[in-house]
Amino acid sequence: FVDRRPMTRVTLTPQGREAWIAYL
């Protein structure tokens, strides 16, 4: 929560980065 408002942050994991590079 930031100033009483919900905040969702998303990060690419190392596994996700590897999968993305393999996909490309």
PDBML (XML) file of the C-alpha atoms, coordinates in Angstrom:
<?xml version="1.0" encoding="UTF-8" ?>
<PDBx:datablock datablockName="MODEL"
   xmlns:PDBx="http://pdbml.pdb.org/schema/pdbx-v50.xsd"
   xmlns:xsi="http://www.w3.org/2001/XMLSchema-instance"
   xsi:schemaLocation="http://pdbml.pdb.org/schema/pdbx-v50.xsd pdbx-v50.xsd">
   <PDBx:atom_siteCategory>
      <PDBx:atom_site id="1">
         <PDBx:B_iso_or_equiv>0.00</PDBx:B_iso_or_equiv>
         <PDBx:Cartn_x>0.000</PDBx:Cartn_x>
         <PDBx:Cartn_y>0.000</PDBx:Cartn_y>
         <PDBx:Cartn_z>0.000</PDBx:Cartn_z>
         <PDBx:auth_asym_id>A</PDBx:auth_asym_id>
         <PDBx:auth_atom_id>CA</PDBx:auth_atom_id>
         <PDBx:auth_comp_id>PHE</PDBx:auth_comp_id>
         <PDBx:auth_seq_id>1</PDBx:auth_seq_id>
         <PDBx:group_PDB>ATOM</PDBx:group_PDB>
         <PDBx:label_alt_id xsi:nil="true" />
         <PDBx:label_asym_id>A</PDBx:label_asym_id>
         <PDBx:label_atom_id>CA</PDBx:label_atom_id>
         <PDBx:label_comp_id>PHE</PDBx:label_comp_id>
         <PDBx:label_entity_id>1</PDBx:label_entity_id>
         <PDBx:label_seq_id>1</PDBx:label_seq_id>
         <PDBx:occupancy>1.00</PDBx:occupancy>
         <PDBx:pdbx_PDB_model_num>1</PDBx:pdbx_PDB_model_num>
         <PDBx:type_symbol>C</PDBx:type_symbol>
      </PDBx:atom_site>
      <PDBx:atom_site id="2">
         <PDBx:B_iso_or_equiv>0.00</PDBx:B_iso_or_equiv>
         <PDBx:Cartn_x>1.201</PDBx:Cartn_x>
         <PDBx:Cartn_y>3.497</PDBx:Cartn_y>
         <PDBx:Cartn_z>-0.865</PDBx:Cartn_z>
         <PDBx:auth_asym_id>A</PDBx:auth_asym_id>
         <PDBx:auth_atom_id>CA</PDBx:auth_atom_id>
         <PDBx:auth_comp_id>VAL</PDBx:auth_comp_id>
         <PDBx:auth_seq_id>2</PDBx:auth_seq_id>
         <PDBx:group_PDB>ATOM</PDBx:group_PDB>
         <PDBx:label_alt_id xsi:nil="true" />
         <PDBx:label_asym_id>A</PDBx:label_asym_id>
         <PDBx:label_atom_id>CA</PDBx:label_atom_id>
         <PDBx:label_comp_id>VAL</PDBx:label_comp_id>
         <PDBx:label_entity_id>1</PDBx:label_entity_id>
         <PDBx:label_seq_id>2</PDBx:label_seq_id>
         <PDBx:occupancy>1.00</PDBx:occupancy>
         <PDBx:pdbx_PDB_model_num>1</PDBx:pdbx_PDB_model_num>
         <PDBx:type_symbol>C</PDBx:type_symbol>
      </PDBx:atom_site>
      <PDBx:atom_site id="3">
         <PDBx:B_iso_or_equiv>0.00</PDBx:B_iso_or_equiv>
         <PDBx:Cartn_x>-0.770</PDBx:Cartn_x>
         <PDBx:Cartn_y>6.333</PDBx:Cartn_y>
         <PDBx:Cartn_z>0.726</PDBx:Cartn_z>
         <PDBx:auth_asym_id>A</PDBx:auth_asym_id>
         <PDBx:auth_atom_id>CA</PDBx:auth_atom_id>
         <PDBx:auth_comp_id>ASP</PDBx:auth_comp_id>
         <PDBx:auth_seq_id>3</PDBx:auth_seq_id>
         <PDBx:group_PDB>ATOM</PDBx:group_PDB>
         <PDBx:label_alt_id xsi:nil="true" />
         <PDBx:label_asym_id>A</PDBx:label_asym_id>
         <PDBx:label_atom_id>CA</PDBx:label_atom_id>
         <PDBx:label_comp_id>ASP</PDBx:label_comp_id>
         <PDBx:label_entity_id>1</PDBx:label_entity_id>
         <PDBx:label_seq_id>3</PDBx:label_seq_id>
         <PDBx:occupancy>1.00</PDBx:occupancy>
         <PDBx:pdbx_PDB_model_num>1</PDBx:pdbx_PDB_model_num>
         <PDBx:type_symbol>C</PDBx:type_symbol>
      </PDBx:atom_site>
      <PDBx:atom_site id="4">
         <PDBx:B_iso_or_equiv>0.00</PDBx:B_iso_or_equiv>
         <PDBx:Cartn_x>-3.519</PDBx:Cartn_x>
         <PDBx:Cartn_y>3.839</PDBx:Cartn_y>
         <PDBx:Cartn_z>1.581</PDBx:Cartn_z>
         <PDBx:auth_asym_id>A</PDBx:auth_asym_id>
         <PDBx:auth_atom_id>CA</PDBx:auth_atom_id>
         <PDBx:auth_comp_id>ARG</PDBx:auth_comp_id>
         <PDBx:auth_seq_id>4</PDBx:auth_seq_id>
         <PDBx:group_PDB>ATOM</PDBx:group_PDB>
         <PDBx:label_alt_id xsi:nil="true" />
         <PDBx:label_asym_id>A</PDBx:label_asym_id>
         <PDBx:label_atom_id>CA</PDBx:label_atom_id>
         <PDBx:label_comp_id>ARG</PDBx:label_comp_id>
         <PDBx:label_entity_id>1</PDBx:label_entity_id>
         <PDBx:label_seq_id>4</PDBx:label_seq_id>
         <PDBx:occupancy>1.00</PDBx:occupancy>
         <PDBx:pdbx_PDB_model_num>1</PDBx:pdbx_PDB_model_num>
         <PDBx:type_symbol>C</PDBx:type_symbol>
      </PDBx:atom_site>
      <PDBx:atom_site id="5">
         <PDBx:B_iso_or_equiv>0.00</PDBx:B_iso_or_equiv>
         <PDBx:Cartn_x>-3.825</PDBx:Cartn_x>
         <PDBx:Cartn_y>2.788</PDBx:Cartn_y>
         <PDBx:Cartn_z>-2.040</PDBx:Cartn_z>
         <PDBx:auth_asym_id>A</PDBx:auth_asym_id>
         <PDBx:auth_atom_id>CA</PDBx:auth_atom_id>
         <PDBx:auth_comp_id>ARG</PDBx:auth_comp_id>
         <PDBx:auth_seq_id>5</PDBx:auth_seq_id>
         <PDBx:group_PDB>ATOM</PDBx:group_PDB>
         <PDBx:label_alt_id xsi:nil="true" />
         <PDBx:label_asym_id>A</PDBx:label_asym_id>
         <PDBx:label_atom_id>CA</PDBx:label_atom_id>
         <PDBx:label_comp_id>ARG</PDBx:label_comp_id>
         <PDBx:label_entity_id>1</PDBx:label_entity_id>
         <PDBx:label_seq_id>5</PDBx:label_seq_id>
         <PDBx:occupancy>1.00</PDBx:occupancy>
         <PDBx:pdbx_PDB_model_num>1</PDBx:pdbx_PDB_model_num>
         <PDBx:type_symbol>C</PDBx:type_symbol>
      </PDBx:atom_site>
      <PDBx:atom_site id="6">
         <PDBx:B_iso_or_equiv>0.00</PDBx:B_iso_or_equiv>
         <PDBx:Cartn_x>-2.949</PDBx:Cartn_x>
         <PDBx:Cartn_y>-0.712</PDBx:Cartn_y>
         <PDBx:Cartn_z>-3.233</PDBx:Cartn_z>
         <PDBx:auth_asym_id>A</PDBx:auth_asym_id>
         <PDBx:auth_atom_id>CA</PDBx:auth_atom_id>
         <PDBx:auth_comp_id>PRO</PDBx:auth_comp_id>
         <PDBx:auth_seq_id>6</PDBx:auth_seq_id>
         <PDBx:group_PDB>ATOM</PDBx:group_PDB>
         <PDBx:label_alt_id xsi:nil="true" />
         <PDBx:label_asym_id>A</PDBx:label_asym_id>
         <PDBx:label_atom_id>CA</PDBx:label_atom_id>
         <PDBx:label_comp_id>PRO</PDBx:label_comp_id>
         <PDBx:label_entity_id>1</PDBx:label_entity_id>
         <PDBx:label_seq_id>6</PDBx:label_seq_id>
         <PDBx:occupancy>1.00</PDBx:occupancy>
         <PDBx:pdbx_PDB_model_num>1</PDBx:pdbx_PDB_model_num>
         <PDBx:type_symbol>C</PDBx:type_symbol>
      </PDBx:atom_site>
      <PDBx:atom_site id="7">
         <PDBx:B_iso_or_equiv>0.00</PDBx:B_iso_or_equiv>
         <PDBx:Cartn_x>0.240</PDBx:Cartn_x>
         <PDBx:Cartn_y>-0.927</PDBx:Cartn_y>
         <PDBx:Cartn_z>-5.286</PDBx:Cartn_z>
         <PDBx:auth_asym_id>A</PDBx:auth_asym_id>
         <PDBx:auth_atom_id>CA</PDBx:auth_atom_id>
         <PDBx:auth_comp_id>MET</PDBx:auth_comp_id>
         <PDBx:auth_seq_id>7</PDBx:auth_seq_id>
         <PDBx:group_PDB>ATOM</PDBx:group_PDB>
         <PDBx:label_alt_id xsi:nil="true" />
         <PDBx:label_asym_id>A</PDBx:label_asym_id>
         <PDBx:label_atom_id>CA</PDBx:label_atom_id>
         <PDBx:label_comp_id>MET</PDBx:label_comp_id>
         <PDBx:label_entity_id>1</PDBx:label_entity_id>
         <PDBx:label_seq_id>7</PDBx:label_seq_id>
         <PDBx:occupancy>1.00</PDBx:occupancy>
         <PDBx:pdbx_PDB_model_num>1</PDBx:pdbx_PDB_model_num>
         <PDBx:type_symbol>C</PDBx:type_symbol>
      </PDBx:atom_site>
      <PDBx:atom_site id="8">
         <PDBx:B_iso_or_equiv>0.00</PDBx:B_iso_or_equiv>
         <PDBx:Cartn_x>1.149</PDBx:Cartn_x>
         <PDBx:Cartn_y>-4.014</PDBx:Cartn_y>
         <PDBx:Cartn_z>-7.290</PDBx:Cartn_z>
         <PDBx:auth_asym_id>A</PDBx:auth_asym_id>
         <PDBx:auth_atom_id>CA</PDBx:auth_atom_id>
         <PDBx:auth_comp_id>THR</PDBx:auth_comp_id>
         <PDBx:auth_seq_id>8</PDBx:auth_seq_id>
         <PDBx:group_PDB>ATOM</PDBx:group_PDB>
         <PDBx:label_alt_id xsi:nil="true" />
         <PDBx:label_asym_id>A</PDBx:label_asym_id>
         <PDBx:label_atom_id>CA</PDBx:label_atom_id>
         <PDBx:label_comp_id>THR</PDBx:label_comp_id>
         <PDBx:label_entity_id>1</PDBx:label_entity_id>
         <PDBx:label_seq_id>8</PDBx:label_seq_id>
         <PDBx:occupancy>1.00</PDBx:occupancy>
         <PDBx:pdbx_PDB_model_num>1</PDBx:pdbx_PDB_model_num>
         <PDBx:type_symbol>C</PDBx:type_symbol>
      </PDBx:atom_site>
      <PDBx:atom_site id="9">
         <PDBx:B_iso_or_equiv>0.00</PDBx:B_iso_or_equiv>
         <PDBx:Cartn_x>4.653</PDBx:Cartn_x>
         <PDBx:Cartn_y>-4.246</PDBx:Cartn_y>
         <PDBx:Cartn_z>-8.706</PDBx:Cartn_z>
         <PDBx:auth_asym_id>A</PDBx:auth_asym_id>
         <PDBx:auth_atom_id>CA</PDBx:auth_atom_id>
         <PDBx:auth_comp_id>ARG</PDBx:auth_comp_id>
         <PDBx:auth_seq_id>9</PDBx:auth_seq_id>
         <PDBx:group_PDB>ATOM</PDBx:group_PDB>
         <PDBx:label_alt_id xsi:nil="true" />
         <PDBx:label_asym_id>A</PDBx:label_asym_id>
         <PDBx:label_atom_id>CA</PDBx:label_atom_id>
         <PDBx:label_comp_id>ARG</PDBx:label_comp_id>
         <PDBx:label_entity_id>1</PDBx:label_entity_id>
         <PDBx:label_seq_id>9</PDBx:label_seq_id>
         <PDBx:occupancy>1.00</PDBx:occupancy>
         <PDBx:pdbx_PDB_model_num>1</PDBx:pdbx_PDB_model_num>
         <PDBx:type_symbol>C</PDBx:type_symbol>
      </PDBx:atom_site>
      <PDBx:atom_site id="10">
         <PDBx:B_iso_or_equiv>0.00</PDBx:B_iso_or_equiv>
         <PDBx:Cartn_x>5.792</PDBx:Cartn_x>
         <PDBx:Cartn_y>-6.952</PDBx:Cartn_y>
         <PDBx:Cartn_z>-11.086</PDBx:Cartn_z>
         <PDBx:auth_asym_id>A</PDBx:auth_asym_id>
         <PDBx:auth_atom_id>CA</PDBx:auth_atom_id>
         <PDBx:auth_comp_id>VAL</PDBx:auth_comp_id>
         <PDBx:auth_seq_id>10</PDBx:auth_seq_id>
         <PDBx:group_PDB>ATOM</PDBx:group_PDB>
         <PDBx:label_alt_id xsi:nil="true" />
         <PDBx:label_asym_id>A</PDBx:label_asym_id>
         <PDBx:label_atom_id>CA</PDBx:label_atom_id>
         <PDBx:label_comp_id>VAL</PDBx:label_comp_id>
         <PDBx:label_entity_id>1</PDBx:label_entity_id>
         <PDBx:label_seq_id>10</PDBx:label_seq_id>
         <PDBx:occupancy>1.00</PDBx:occupancy>
         <PDBx:pdbx_PDB_model_num>1</PDBx:pdbx_PDB_model_num>
         <PDBx:type_symbol>C</PDBx:type_symbol>
      </PDBx:atom_site>
      <PDBx:atom_site id="11">
         <PDBx:B_iso_or_equiv>0.00</PDBx:B_iso_or_equiv>
         <PDBx:Cartn_x>9.370</PDBx:Cartn_x>
         <PDBx:Cartn_y>-8.098</PDBx:Cartn_y>
         <PDBx:Cartn_z>-11.677</PDBx:Cartn_z>
         <PDBx:auth_asym_id>A</PDBx:auth_asym_id>
         <PDBx:auth_atom_id>CA</PDBx:auth_atom_id>
         <PDBx:auth_comp_id>THR</PDBx:auth_comp_id>
         <PDBx:auth_seq_id>11</PDBx:auth_seq_id>
         <PDBx:group_PDB>ATOM</PDBx:group_PDB>
         <PDBx:label_alt_id xsi:nil="true" />
         <PDBx:label_asym_id>A</PDBx:label_asym_id>
         <PDBx:label_atom_id>CA</PDBx:label_atom_id>
         <PDBx:label_comp_id>THR</PDBx:label_comp_id>
         <PDBx:label_entity_id>1</PDBx:label_entity_id>
         <PDBx:label_seq_id>11</PDBx:label_seq_id>
         <PDBx:occupancy>1.00</PDBx:occupancy>
         <PDBx:pdbx_PDB_model_num>1</PDBx:pdbx_PDB_model_num>
         <PDBx:type_symbol>C</PDBx:type_symbol>
      </PDBx:atom_site>
      <PDBx:atom_site id="12">
         <PDBx:B_iso_or_equiv>0.00</PDBx:B_iso_or_equiv>
         <PDBx:Cartn_x>10.756</PDBx:Cartn_x>
         <PDBx:Cartn_y>-10.536</PDBx:Cartn_y>
         <PDBx:Cartn_z>-14.223</PDBx:Cartn_z>
         <PDBx:auth_asym_id>A</PDBx:auth_asym_id>
         <PDBx:auth_atom_id>CA</PDBx:auth_atom_id>
         <PDBx:auth_comp_id>LEU</PDBx:auth_comp_id>
         <PDBx:auth_seq_id>12</PDBx:auth_seq_id>
         <PDBx:group_PDB>ATOM</PDBx:group_PDB>
         <PDBx:label_alt_id xsi:nil="true" />
         <PDBx:label_asym_id>A</PDBx:label_asym_id>
         <PDBx:label_atom_id>CA</PDBx:label_atom_id>
         <PDBx:label_comp_id>LEU</PDBx:label_comp_id>
         <PDBx:label_entity_id>1</PDBx:label_entity_id>
         <PDBx:label_seq_id>12</PDBx:label_seq_id>
         <PDBx:occupancy>1.00</PDBx:occupancy>
         <PDBx:pdbx_PDB_model_num>1</PDBx:pdbx_PDB_model_num>
         <PDBx:type_symbol>C</PDBx:type_symbol>
      </PDBx:atom_site>
      <PDBx:atom_site id="13">
         <PDBx:B_iso_or_equiv>0.00</PDBx:B_iso_or_equiv>
         <PDBx:Cartn_x>12.484</PDBx:Cartn_x>
         <PDBx:Cartn_y>-13.421</PDBx:Cartn_y>
         <PDBx:Cartn_z>-12.427</PDBx:Cartn_z>
         <PDBx:auth_asym_id>A</PDBx:auth_asym_id>
         <PDBx:auth_atom_id>CA</PDBx:auth_atom_id>
         <PDBx:auth_comp_id>THR</PDBx:auth_comp_id>
         <PDBx:auth_seq_id>13</PDBx:auth_seq_id>
         <PDBx:group_PDB>ATOM</PDBx:group_PDB>
         <PDBx:label_alt_id xsi:nil="true" />
         <PDBx:label_asym_id>A</PDBx:label_asym_id>
         <PDBx:label_atom_id>CA</PDBx:label_atom_id>
         <PDBx:label_comp_id>THR</PDBx:label_comp_id>
         <PDBx:label_entity_id>1</PDBx:label_entity_id>
         <PDBx:label_seq_id>13</PDBx:label_seq_id>
         <PDBx:occupancy>1.00</PDBx:occupancy>
         <PDBx:pdbx_PDB_model_num>1</PDBx:pdbx_PDB_model_num>
         <PDBx:type_symbol>C</PDBx:type_symbol>
      </PDBx:atom_site>
      <PDBx:atom_site id="14">
         <PDBx:B_iso_or_equiv>0.00</PDBx:B_iso_or_equiv>
         <PDBx:Cartn_x>15.812</PDBx:Cartn_x>
         <PDBx:Cartn_y>-14.892</PDBx:Cartn_y>
         <PDBx:Cartn_z>-13.577</PDBx:Cartn_z>
         <PDBx:auth_asym_id>A</PDBx:auth_asym_id>
         <PDBx:auth_atom_id>CA</PDBx:auth_atom_id>
         <PDBx:auth_comp_id>PRO</PDBx:auth_comp_id>
         <PDBx:auth_seq_id>14</PDBx:auth_seq_id>
         <PDBx:group_PDB>ATOM</PDBx:group_PDB>
         <PDBx:label_alt_id xsi:nil="true" />
         <PDBx:label_asym_id>A</PDBx:label_asym_id>
         <PDBx:label_atom_id>CA</PDBx:label_atom_id>
         <PDBx:label_comp_id>PRO</PDBx:label_comp_id>
         <PDBx:label_entity_id>1</PDBx:label_entity_id>
         <PDBx:label_seq_id>14</PDBx:label_seq_id>
         <PDBx:occupancy>1.00</PDBx:occupancy>
         <PDBx:pdbx_PDB_model_num>1</PDBx:pdbx_PDB_model_num>
         <PDBx:type_symbol>C</PDBx:type_symbol>
      </PDBx:atom_site>
      <PDBx:atom_site id="15">
         <PDBx:B_iso_or_equiv>0.00</PDBx:B_iso_or_equiv>
         <PDBx:Cartn_x>13.855</PDBx:Cartn_x>
         <PDBx:Cartn_y>-17.949</PDBx:Cartn_y>
         <PDBx:Cartn_z>-14.785</PDBx:Cartn_z>
         <PDBx:auth_asym_id>A</PDBx:auth_asym_id>
         <PDBx:auth_atom_id>CA</PDBx:auth_atom_id>
         <PDBx:auth_comp_id>GLN</PDBx:auth_comp_id>
         <PDBx:auth_seq_id>15</PDBx:auth_seq_id>
         <PDBx:group_PDB>ATOM</PDBx:group_PDB>
         <PDBx:label_alt_id xsi:nil="true" />
         <PDBx:label_asym_id>A</PDBx:label_asym_id>
         <PDBx:label_atom_id>CA</PDBx:label_atom_id>
         <PDBx:label_comp_id>GLN</PDBx:label_comp_id>
         <PDBx:label_entity_id>1</PDBx:label_entity_id>
         <PDBx:label_seq_id>15</PDBx:label_seq_id>
         <PDBx:occupancy>1.00</PDBx:occupancy>
         <PDBx:pdbx_PDB_model_num>1</PDBx:pdbx_PDB_model_num>
         <PDBx:type_symbol>C</PDBx:type_symbol>
      </PDBx:atom_site>
      <PDBx:atom_site id="16">
         <PDBx:B_iso_or_equiv>0.00</PDBx:B_iso_or_equiv>
         <PDBx:Cartn_x>11.477</PDBx:Cartn_x>
         <PDBx:Cartn_y>-15.658</PDBx:Cartn_y>
         <PDBx:Cartn_z>-16.672</PDBx:Cartn_z>
         <PDBx:auth_asym_id>A</PDBx:auth_asym_id>
         <PDBx:auth_atom_id>CA</PDBx:auth_atom_id>
         <PDBx:auth_comp_id>GLY</PDBx:auth_comp_id>
         <PDBx:auth_seq_id>16</PDBx:auth_seq_id>
         <PDBx:group_PDB>ATOM</PDBx:group_PDB>
         <PDBx:label_alt_id xsi:nil="true" />
         <PDBx:label_asym_id>A</PDBx:label_asym_id>
         <PDBx:label_atom_id>CA</PDBx:label_atom_id>
         <PDBx:label_comp_id>GLY</PDBx:label_comp_id>
         <PDBx:label_entity_id>1</PDBx:label_entity_id>
         <PDBx:label_seq_id>16</PDBx:label_seq_id>
         <PDBx:occupancy>1.00</PDBx:occupancy>
         <PDBx:pdbx_PDB_model_num>1</PDBx:pdbx_PDB_model_num>
         <PDBx:type_symbol>C</PDBx:type_symbol>
      </PDBx:atom_site>
      <PDBx:atom_site id="17">
         <PDBx:B_iso_or_equiv>0.00</PDBx:B_iso_or_equiv>
         <PDBx:Cartn_x>14.366</PDBx:Cartn_x>
         <PDBx:Cartn_y>-13.784</PDBx:Cartn_y>
         <PDBx:Cartn_z>-18.294</PDBx:Cartn_z>
         <PDBx:auth_asym_id>A</PDBx:auth_asym_id>
         <PDBx:auth_atom_id>CA</PDBx:auth_atom_id>
         <PDBx:auth_comp_id>ARG</PDBx:auth_comp_id>
         <PDBx:auth_seq_id>17</PDBx:auth_seq_id>
         <PDBx:group_PDB>ATOM</PDBx:group_PDB>
         <PDBx:label_alt_id xsi:nil="true" />
         <PDBx:label_asym_id>A</PDBx:label_asym_id>
         <PDBx:label_atom_id>CA</PDBx:label_atom_id>
         <PDBx:label_comp_id>ARG</PDBx:label_comp_id>
         <PDBx:label_entity_id>1</PDBx:label_entity_id>
         <PDBx:label_seq_id>17</PDBx:label_seq_id>
         <PDBx:occupancy>1.00</PDBx:occupancy>
         <PDBx:pdbx_PDB_model_num>1</PDBx:pdbx_PDB_model_num>
         <PDBx:type_symbol>C</PDBx:type_symbol>
      </PDBx:atom_site>
      <PDBx:atom_site id="18">
         <PDBx:B_iso_or_equiv>0.00</PDBx:B_iso_or_equiv>
         <PDBx:Cartn_x>15.922</PDBx:Cartn_x>
         <PDBx:Cartn_y>-17.080</PDBx:Cartn_y>
         <PDBx:Cartn_z>-19.424</PDBx:Cartn_z>
         <PDBx:auth_asym_id>A</PDBx:auth_asym_id>
         <PDBx:auth_atom_id>CA</PDBx:auth_atom_id>
         <PDBx:auth_comp_id>GLU</PDBx:auth_comp_id>
         <PDBx:auth_seq_id>18</PDBx:auth_seq_id>
         <PDBx:group_PDB>ATOM</PDBx:group_PDB>
         <PDBx:label_alt_id xsi:nil="true" />
         <PDBx:label_asym_id>A</PDBx:label_asym_id>
         <PDBx:label_atom_id>CA</PDBx:label_atom_id>
         <PDBx:label_comp_id>GLU</PDBx:label_comp_id>
         <PDBx:label_entity_id>1</PDBx:label_entity_id>
         <PDBx:label_seq_id>18</PDBx:label_seq_id>
         <PDBx:occupancy>1.00</PDBx:occupancy>
         <PDBx:pdbx_PDB_model_num>1</PDBx:pdbx_PDB_model_num>
         <PDBx:type_symbol>C</PDBx:type_symbol>
      </PDBx:atom_site>
      <PDBx:atom_site id="19">
         <PDBx:B_iso_or_equiv>0.00</PDBx:B_iso_or_equiv>
         <PDBx:Cartn_x>12.598</PDBx:Cartn_x>
         <PDBx:Cartn_y>-18.263</PDBx:Cartn_y>
         <PDBx:Cartn_z>-20.835</PDBx:Cartn_z>
         <PDBx:auth_asym_id>A</PDBx:auth_asym_id>
         <PDBx:auth_atom_id>CA</PDBx:auth_atom_id>
         <PDBx:auth_comp_id>ALA</PDBx:auth_comp_id>
         <PDBx:auth_seq_id>19</PDBx:auth_seq_id>
         <PDBx:group_PDB>ATOM</PDBx:group_PDB>
         <PDBx:label_alt_id xsi:nil="true" />
         <PDBx:label_asym_id>A</PDBx:label_asym_id>
         <PDBx:label_atom_id>CA</PDBx:label_atom_id>
         <PDBx:label_comp_id>ALA</PDBx:label_comp_id>
         <PDBx:label_entity_id>1</PDBx:label_entity_id>
         <PDBx:label_seq_id>19</PDBx:label_seq_id>
         <PDBx:occupancy>1.00</PDBx:occupancy>
         <PDBx:pdbx_PDB_model_num>1</PDBx:pdbx_PDB_model_num>
         <PDBx:type_symbol>C</PDBx:type_symbol>
      </PDBx:atom_site>
      <PDBx:atom_site id="20">
         <PDBx:B_iso_or_equiv>0.00</PDBx:B_iso_or_equiv>
         <PDBx:Cartn_x>12.104</PDBx:Cartn_x>
         <PDBx:Cartn_y>-14.950</PDBx:Cartn_y>
         <PDBx:Cartn_z>-22.670</PDBx:Cartn_z>
         <PDBx:auth_asym_id>A</PDBx:auth_asym_id>
         <PDBx:auth_atom_id>CA</PDBx:auth_atom_id>
         <PDBx:auth_comp_id>TRP</PDBx:auth_comp_id>
         <PDBx:auth_seq_id>20</PDBx:auth_seq_id>
         <PDBx:group_PDB>ATOM</PDBx:group_PDB>
         <PDBx:label_alt_id xsi:nil="true" />
         <PDBx:label_asym_id>A</PDBx:label_asym_id>
         <PDBx:label_atom_id>CA</PDBx:label_atom_id>
         <PDBx:label_comp_id>TRP</PDBx:label_comp_id>
         <PDBx:label_entity_id>1</PDBx:label_entity_id>
         <PDBx:label_seq_id>20</PDBx:label_seq_id>
         <PDBx:occupancy>1.00</PDBx:occupancy>
         <PDBx:pdbx_PDB_model_num>1</PDBx:pdbx_PDB_model_num>
         <PDBx:type_symbol>C</PDBx:type_symbol>
      </PDBx:atom_site>
      <PDBx:atom_site id="21">
         <PDBx:B_iso_or_equiv>0.00</PDBx:B_iso_or_equiv>
         <PDBx:Cartn_x>15.598</PDBx:Cartn_x>
         <PDBx:Cartn_y>-15.081</PDBx:Cartn_y>
         <PDBx:Cartn_z>-24.198</PDBx:Cartn_z>
         <PDBx:auth_asym_id>A</PDBx:auth_asym_id>
         <PDBx:auth_atom_id>CA</PDBx:auth_atom_id>
         <PDBx:auth_comp_id>ILE</PDBx:auth_comp_id>
         <PDBx:auth_seq_id>21</PDBx:auth_seq_id>
         <PDBx:group_PDB>ATOM</PDBx:group_PDB>
         <PDBx:label_alt_id xsi:nil="true" />
         <PDBx:label_asym_id>A</PDBx:label_asym_id>
         <PDBx:label_atom_id>CA</PDBx:label_atom_id>
         <PDBx:label_comp_id>ILE</PDBx:label_comp_id>
         <PDBx:label_entity_id>1</PDBx:label_entity_id>
         <PDBx:label_seq_id>21</PDBx:label_seq_id>
         <PDBx:occupancy>1.00</PDBx:occupancy>
         <PDBx:pdbx_PDB_model_num>1</PDBx:pdbx_PDB_model_num>
         <PDBx:type_symbol>C</PDBx:type_symbol>
      </PDBx:atom_site>
      <PDBx:atom_site id="22">
         <PDBx:B_iso_or_equiv>0.00</PDBx:B_iso_or_equiv>
         <PDBx:Cartn_x>15.043</PDBx:Cartn_x>
         <PDBx:Cartn_y>-18.700</PDBx:Cartn_y>
         <PDBx:Cartn_z>-25.269</PDBx:Cartn_z>
         <PDBx:auth_asym_id>A</PDBx:auth_asym_id>
         <PDBx:auth_atom_id>CA</PDBx:auth_atom_id>
         <PDBx:auth_comp_id>ALA</PDBx:auth_comp_id>
         <PDBx:auth_seq_id>22</PDBx:auth_seq_id>
         <PDBx:group_PDB>ATOM</PDBx:group_PDB>
         <PDBx:label_alt_id xsi:nil="true" />
         <PDBx:label_asym_id>A</PDBx:label_asym_id>
         <PDBx:label_atom_id>CA</PDBx:label_atom_id>
         <PDBx:label_comp_id>ALA</PDBx:label_comp_id>
         <PDBx:label_entity_id>1</PDBx:label_entity_id>
         <PDBx:label_seq_id>22</PDBx:label_seq_id>
         <PDBx:occupancy>1.00</PDBx:occupancy>
         <PDBx:pdbx_PDB_model_num>1</PDBx:pdbx_PDB_model_num>
         <PDBx:type_symbol>C</PDBx:type_symbol>
      </PDBx:atom_site>
      <PDBx:atom_site id="23">
         <PDBx:B_iso_or_equiv>0.00</PDBx:B_iso_or_equiv>
         <PDBx:Cartn_x>11.684</PDBx:Cartn_x>
         <PDBx:Cartn_y>-17.732</PDBx:Cartn_y>
         <PDBx:Cartn_z>-26.805</PDBx:Cartn_z>
         <PDBx:auth_asym_id>A</PDBx:auth_asym_id>
         <PDBx:auth_atom_id>CA</PDBx:auth_atom_id>
         <PDBx:auth_comp_id>TYR</PDBx:auth_comp_id>
         <PDBx:auth_seq_id>23</PDBx:auth_seq_id>
         <PDBx:group_PDB>ATOM</PDBx:group_PDB>
         <PDBx:label_alt_id xsi:nil="true" />
         <PDBx:label_asym_id>A</PDBx:label_asym_id>
         <PDBx:label_atom_id>CA</PDBx:label_atom_id>
         <PDBx:label_comp_id>TYR</PDBx:label_comp_id>
         <PDBx:label_entity_id>1</PDBx:label_entity_id>
         <PDBx:label_seq_id>23</PDBx:label_seq_id>
         <PDBx:occupancy>1.00</PDBx:occupancy>
         <PDBx:pdbx_PDB_model_num>1</PDBx:pdbx_PDB_model_num>
         <PDBx:type_symbol>C</PDBx:type_symbol>
      </PDBx:atom_site>
      <PDBx:atom_site id="24">
         <PDBx:B_iso_or_equiv>0.00</PDBx:B_iso_or_equiv>
         <PDBx:Cartn_x>13.283</PDBx:Cartn_x>
         <PDBx:Cartn_y>-14.906</PDBx:Cartn_y>
         <PDBx:Cartn_z>-28.782</PDBx:Cartn_z>
         <PDBx:auth_asym_id>A</PDBx:auth_asym_id>
         <PDBx:auth_atom_id>CA</PDBx:auth_atom_id>
         <PDBx:auth_comp_id>LEU</PDBx:auth_comp_id>
         <PDBx:auth_seq_id>24</PDBx:auth_seq_id>
         <PDBx:group_PDB>ATOM</PDBx:group_PDB>
         <PDBx:label_alt_id xsi:nil="true" />
         <PDBx:label_asym_id>A</PDBx:label_asym_id>
         <PDBx:label_atom_id>CA</PDBx:label_atom_id>
         <PDBx:label_comp_id>LEU</PDBx:label_comp_id>
         <PDBx:label_entity_id>1</PDBx:label_entity_id>
         <PDBx:label_seq_id>24</PDBx:label_seq_id>
         <PDBx:occupancy>1.00</PDBx:occupancy>
         <PDBx:pdbx_PDB_model_num>1</PDBx:pdbx_PDB_model_num>
         <PDBx:type_symbol>C</PDBx:type_symbol>
      </PDBx:atom_site>
   </PDBx:atom_siteCategory>
</PDBx:datablock>
